[in-house]
């Protein structure tokens, strides 16, 4: 798992260097075709990647785990991981200093563009919850539905950043790579903690 995390972070760094050298790739230009597609739906997906909704969902997850008497460290660890990963993303954005698209829809987006913090959240939060749900002591059909829903929602968040013209395709790809690297590293750490307990 750590090797996969390393590969994702390496690909993320290489893409970031390429984005700095070639700020408007053919993929980014073609990705502008997503702009304005289902804007109200995109706004909902984007909002679900912001701190207010993540806080609500984190608290809800904690309460469900408490009621079901499942290990409370899991929702706490997922929320802490999300918080730290976004702090790292913000620091990395300052290193790459890529300007955002100027033709945003719905809400002004400030700050730097690479990587997309929402795309990272789609993996580090929603993807992490999907992994947890896959292992909960629930009927298989319920687990499958939860995993598909959370995975689809994460994809919707990434798509929304293009539909609202808040990011370029390479920003979203970079956020996804970062998120995958982070999630794999956290899963490896969780496995180590479980083995050493």
Protein backbone atom coordinates (compact mmCIF):
# COMPACT_ATOMS: atom_id res chain seq x y z
CA UNK A 1 0.00 0.00 0.00
CA UNK A 2 2.88 2.37 0.76
CA UNK A 3 4.33 1.71 -2.71
CA UNK A 4 1.03 2.73 -4.30
CA UNK A 5 0.98 5.86 -2.13
CA UNK A 6 4.52 6.71 -3.23
CA UNK A 7 3.62 6.20 -6.90
CA UNK A 8 0.55 8.44 -6.58
CA UNK A 9 2.52 11.20 -4.85
CA UNK A 10 5.29 10.94 -7.46
CA UNK A 11 2.77 11.19 -10.33
CA UNK A 12 1.14 14.13 -8.52
CA UNK A 13 4.50 15.94 -8.26
CA UNK A 14 5.41 15.27 -11.91
CA UNK A 15 2.01 16.53 -13.06
CA UNK A 16 2.47 19.64 -10.91
CA UNK A 17 5.80 20.40 -12.58
CA UNK A 18 4.25 19.89 -16.01
CA UNK A 19 1.35 22.18 -15.09
CA UNK A 20 3.85 24.88 -14.08
CA UNK A 21 5.68 24.58 -17.41
CA UNK A 22 2.59 24.17 -19.60
CA UNK A 23 -0.29 25.89 -17.79
CA UNK A 24 -2.93 25.26 -20.46
CA UNK A 25 -2.61 21.76 -21.85
CA UNK A 26 -4.84 20.30 -24.53
CA UNK A 27 -6.65 18.35 -21.78
CA UNK A 28 -7.38 21.55 -19.91
CA UNK A 29 -8.68 23.25 -23.03
CA UNK A 30 -10.93 20.31 -23.89
CA UNK A 31 -12.06 20.06 -20.28
CA UNK A 32 -13.67 23.48 -20.64
CA UNK A 33 -16.48 21.61 -22.41
CA UNK A 34 -17.78 20.57 -18.98
CA UNK A 35 -18.40 24.22 -18.08
CA UNK A 36 -22.03 25.02 -17.33
CA UNK A 37 -23.28 21.42 -17.51
CA UNK A 38 -26.02 20.85 -14.88
CA UNK A 39 -24.85 23.85 -12.85
CA UNK A 40 -27.38 23.43 -9.97
CA UNK A 41 -26.36 19.79 -9.48
CA UNK A 42 -22.68 20.73 -9.70
CA UNK A 43 -23.23 23.37 -7.01
CA UNK A 44 -24.69 20.70 -4.68
CA UNK A 45 -21.74 18.37 -5.25
CA UNK A 46 -19.26 21.20 -4.70
CA UNK A 47 -20.94 22.30 -1.46
CA UNK A 48 -20.70 18.74 -0.15
CA UNK A 49 -16.91 19.05 -0.43
CA UNK A 50 -16.73 22.15 1.77
CA UNK A 51 -15.95 22.18 5.48
CA UNK A 52 -19.53 22.72 6.73
CA UNK A 53 -20.88 19.56 5.09
CA UNK A 54 -17.77 17.58 5.93
CA UNK A 55 -18.17 18.58 9.58
CA UNK A 56 -21.84 17.58 9.60
CA UNK A 57 -21.06 14.25 7.92
CA UNK A 58 -18.13 13.61 10.28
CA UNK A 59 -20.33 14.22 13.34
CA UNK A 60 -23.09 12.05 11.85
CA UNK A 61 -20.58 9.26 11.23
CA UNK A 62 -19.33 9.55 14.81
CA UNK A 63 -22.89 9.36 16.20
CA UNK A 64 -23.73 6.31 14.07
CA UNK A 65 -20.56 4.58 15.25
CA UNK A 66 -21.39 5.45 18.86
CA UNK A 67 -24.94 4.10 18.60
CA UNK A 68 -23.75 0.92 16.85
CA UNK A 69 -20.91 0.52 19.37
CA UNK A 70 -18.32 0.40 16.61
CA UNK A 71 -14.77 1.73 17.23
CA UNK A 72 -15.01 5.51 17.63
CA UNK A 73 -11.39 6.03 16.61
CA UNK A 74 -12.42 5.33 12.99
CA UNK A 75 -14.65 8.41 12.40
CA UNK A 76 -12.25 10.53 14.47
CA UNK A 77 -9.29 9.34 12.37
CA UNK A 78 -11.17 9.99 9.10
CA UNK A 79 -12.04 13.54 10.13
CA UNK A 80 -8.50 14.23 11.36
CA UNK A 81 -7.06 12.81 8.15
CA UNK A 82 -9.33 15.06 6.09
CA UNK A 83 -8.32 18.12 8.09
CA UNK A 84 -4.58 17.45 7.83
CA UNK A 85 -4.75 16.50 4.14
CA UNK A 86 -6.47 19.77 3.28
CA UNK A 87 -3.84 21.74 5.19
CA UNK A 88 -1.18 19.95 3.13
CA UNK A 89 -3.09 20.64 -0.11
CA UNK A 90 -3.25 24.35 0.73
CA UNK A 91 0.50 24.40 1.33
CA UNK A 92 1.19 22.57 -1.91
CA UNK A 93 -1.04 25.00 -3.83
CA UNK A 94 1.23 27.82 -2.68
CA UNK A 95 4.23 25.93 -4.01
CA UNK A 96 2.76 25.39 -7.50
CA UNK A 97 1.02 28.81 -7.66
CA UNK A 98 -1.24 27.97 -10.60
CA UNK A 99 -3.88 30.62 -11.31
CA UNK A 100 -7.51 29.51 -11.31
CA UNK A 101 -9.79 29.77 -14.34
CA UNK A 102 -11.36 33.21 -14.52
CA UNK A 103 -14.75 32.19 -15.89
CA UNK A 104 -16.10 30.53 -12.74
CA UNK A 105 -19.81 29.95 -12.20
CA UNK A 106 -22.00 30.31 -9.08
CA UNK A 107 -19.31 31.35 -6.61
CA UNK A 108 -16.00 33.18 -6.89
CA UNK A 109 -13.11 30.80 -6.25
CA UNK A 110 -9.97 32.40 -4.85
CA UNK A 111 -6.58 30.98 -4.11
CA UNK A 112 -4.43 28.80 -6.31
CA UNK A 113 -5.70 26.06 -8.56
CA UNK A 114 -3.35 23.05 -8.49
CA UNK A 115 -4.29 20.65 -7.00
CA UNK A 116 -8.06 20.70 -6.54
CA UNK A 117 -8.79 20.43 -2.83
CA UNK A 118 -12.28 19.18 -3.65
CA UNK A 119 -10.88 16.36 -5.78
CA UNK A 120 -8.54 15.41 -2.93
CA UNK A 121 -11.52 15.47 -0.53
CA UNK A 122 -13.49 13.22 -2.88
CA UNK A 123 -10.87 10.54 -2.17
CA UNK A 124 -9.55 11.34 1.33
CA UNK A 125 -13.02 11.74 2.87
CA UNK A 126 -15.67 10.10 0.69
CA UNK A 127 -13.30 7.41 -0.57
CA UNK A 128 -12.09 6.69 2.95
CA UNK A 129 -15.67 6.35 4.17
CA UNK A 130 -16.36 3.99 1.25
CA UNK A 131 -13.45 1.80 2.37
CA UNK A 132 -14.75 1.81 5.96
CA UNK A 133 -18.31 1.01 4.84
CA UNK A 134 -17.01 -1.93 2.80
CA UNK A 135 -15.77 -3.50 6.05
CA UNK A 136 -18.65 -2.71 8.41
CA UNK A 137 -20.60 -5.60 9.98
CA UNK A 138 -23.63 -4.94 7.77
CA UNK A 139 -25.44 -7.05 5.16
CA UNK A 140 -23.52 -7.28 1.89
CA UNK A 141 -26.23 -5.45 -0.09
CA UNK A 142 -26.12 -2.50 2.32
CA UNK A 143 -22.32 -2.33 2.16
CA UNK A 144 -22.35 -2.43 -1.65
CA UNK A 145 -24.97 0.34 -1.81
CA UNK A 146 -22.98 2.52 0.58
CA UNK A 147 -19.71 1.99 -1.30
CA UNK A 148 -21.31 2.71 -4.69
CA UNK A 149 -23.07 5.79 -3.34
CA UNK A 150 -19.96 7.23 -1.69
CA UNK A 151 -17.76 6.46 -4.69
CA UNK A 152 -20.27 8.00 -7.09
CA UNK A 153 -20.61 11.05 -4.87
CA UNK A 154 -16.83 11.49 -4.90
CA UNK A 155 -16.81 11.35 -8.71
CA UNK A 156 -19.63 13.91 -8.70
CA UNK A 157 -17.55 16.27 -6.58
CA UNK A 158 -14.62 16.04 -9.00
CA UNK A 159 -16.90 16.59 -12.00
CA UNK A 160 -18.51 19.59 -10.30
CA UNK A 161 -15.22 21.47 -10.17
CA UNK A 162 -15.05 21.34 -13.96
CA UNK A 163 -18.74 22.08 -14.46
CA UNK A 164 -18.44 25.21 -12.31
CA UNK A 165 -15.19 26.19 -14.03
CA UNK A 166 -13.42 26.32 -10.68
CA UNK A 167 -10.52 24.14 -11.82
CA UNK A 168 -8.77 22.75 -14.86
CA UNK A 169 -8.81 19.03 -15.70
CA UNK A 170 -5.19 18.69 -14.60
CA UNK A 171 -6.06 20.29 -11.24
CA UNK A 172 -8.74 17.67 -10.67
CA UNK A 173 -6.40 14.89 -11.78
CA UNK A 174 -3.72 16.24 -9.44
CA UNK A 175 -6.17 16.37 -6.54
CA UNK A 176 -7.27 12.81 -7.30
CA UNK A 177 -3.64 11.60 -7.38
CA UNK A 178 -2.88 13.39 -4.11
CA UNK A 179 -6.04 11.96 -2.52
CA UNK A 180 -5.22 8.42 -3.66
CA UNK A 181 -1.68 8.75 -2.30
CA UNK A 182 -2.96 10.11 1.00
CA UNK A 183 -5.64 7.44 1.36
CA UNK A 184 -3.21 4.63 0.58
CA UNK A 185 -0.73 6.02 3.11
CA UNK A 186 -3.47 6.27 5.76
CA UNK A 187 -4.65 2.71 5.04
CA UNK A 188 -1.08 1.47 5.38
CA UNK A 189 -0.77 3.34 8.69
CA UNK A 190 -4.10 1.93 9.92
CA UNK A 191 -2.92 -1.58 9.03
CA UNK A 192 0.31 -1.00 10.94
CA UNK A 193 -1.57 0.31 13.99
CA UNK A 194 -3.92 -2.70 13.94
CA UNK A 195 -1.06 -5.15 13.61
CA UNK A 196 0.91 -3.59 16.45
CA UNK A 197 -2.07 -3.27 18.84
